[in-house]
Amino acid sequence: NEWNNKTAEITGFSRHEAFNKPLVSTFIKPNLRDNVQTIMKNALNGKQTSNYELEFETKTKQTV
């Protein structure tokens, strides 16, 4: 996937700003990073997780 216009609008980070930055450590709230990292690792290994809602940290440090 790519950083699309809606993601840029929601987070405040342009596509250029997000390019080559690690998703979890840059854009996910610190208290959720371990869980999200585990879910992403599981997904890469073929294990699905249902109904997990991500909370992003915006450029202005708000949660969305």
Protein backbone atom coordinates (compact mmCIF):
# COMPACT_ATOMS: atom_id res chain seq x y z
CA ASN A 1 0.00 0.00 0.00
CA GLU A 2 0.98 3.58 -0.21
CA TRP A 3 0.45 6.76 1.74
CA ASN A 4 -2.66 8.14 0.08
CA ASN A 5 -4.34 11.53 0.16
CA LYS A 6 -6.77 10.53 2.91
CA THR A 7 -3.98 9.24 5.15
CA ALA A 8 -2.11 12.51 4.60
CA GLU A 9 -5.26 14.48 5.45
CA ILE A 10 -5.90 12.48 8.62
CA THR A 11 -2.34 12.48 9.96
CA GLY A 12 -1.05 15.81 8.68
CA PHE A 13 2.03 14.09 7.21
CA SER A 14 2.45 14.47 3.47
CA ARG A 15 3.39 11.52 1.30
CA HIS A 16 6.88 12.99 1.02
CA GLU A 17 7.22 13.30 4.82
CA ALA A 18 6.04 9.73 5.37
CA PHE A 19 8.24 8.20 2.68
CA ASN A 20 10.83 5.71 4.03
CA LYS A 21 9.72 6.19 7.64
CA PRO A 22 8.87 3.10 9.72
CA LEU A 23 5.10 2.96 10.14
CA VAL A 24 4.89 1.67 13.69
CA SER A 25 7.60 3.70 15.40
CA THR A 26 6.73 6.92 13.54
CA PHE A 27 2.95 7.01 13.24
CA ILE A 28 1.45 4.68 15.87
CA LYS A 29 0.82 5.87 19.43
CA PRO A 30 3.66 4.71 21.72
CA ASN A 31 1.42 2.69 24.03
CA LEU A 32 0.11 0.64 21.06
CA ARG A 33 3.36 0.01 19.19
CA ASP A 34 4.14 -3.43 20.62
CA ASN A 35 0.63 -4.71 19.85
CA VAL A 36 0.65 -3.29 16.33
CA GLN A 37 4.11 -4.69 15.65
CA THR A 38 2.92 -8.14 16.75
CA ILE A 39 -0.20 -7.93 14.57
CA MET A 40 1.87 -6.88 11.55
CA LYS A 41 4.37 -9.68 12.14
CA ASN A 42 1.52 -12.18 12.40
CA ALA A 43 -0.01 -10.84 9.18
CA LEU A 44 3.27 -11.30 7.35
CA ASN A 45 3.28 -14.90 8.57
CA GLY A 46 -0.28 -15.51 7.34
CA LYS A 47 -2.06 -15.19 10.68
CA GLN A 48 -5.08 -12.89 10.51
CA THR A 49 -6.33 -10.53 13.18
CA SER A 50 -9.93 -9.38 12.94
CA ASN A 51 -11.32 -6.00 13.85
CA TYR A 52 -8.21 -4.23 15.08
CA GLU A 53 -8.47 -0.45 14.93
CA LEU A 54 -5.26 1.53 14.67
CA GLU A 55 -4.69 4.83 16.44
CA PHE A 56 -2.33 7.10 14.60
CA GLU A 57 -0.37 9.95 16.09
CA THR A 58 -0.73 13.04 13.93
CA LYS A 59 1.93 15.57 13.08
CA THR A 60 0.57 17.72 15.92
CA LYS A 61 0.68 14.73 18.35
CA GLN A 62 -3.08 14.22 18.40
CA THR A 63 -4.62 10.76 18.37
CA VAL A 64 -6.83 9.77 15.44
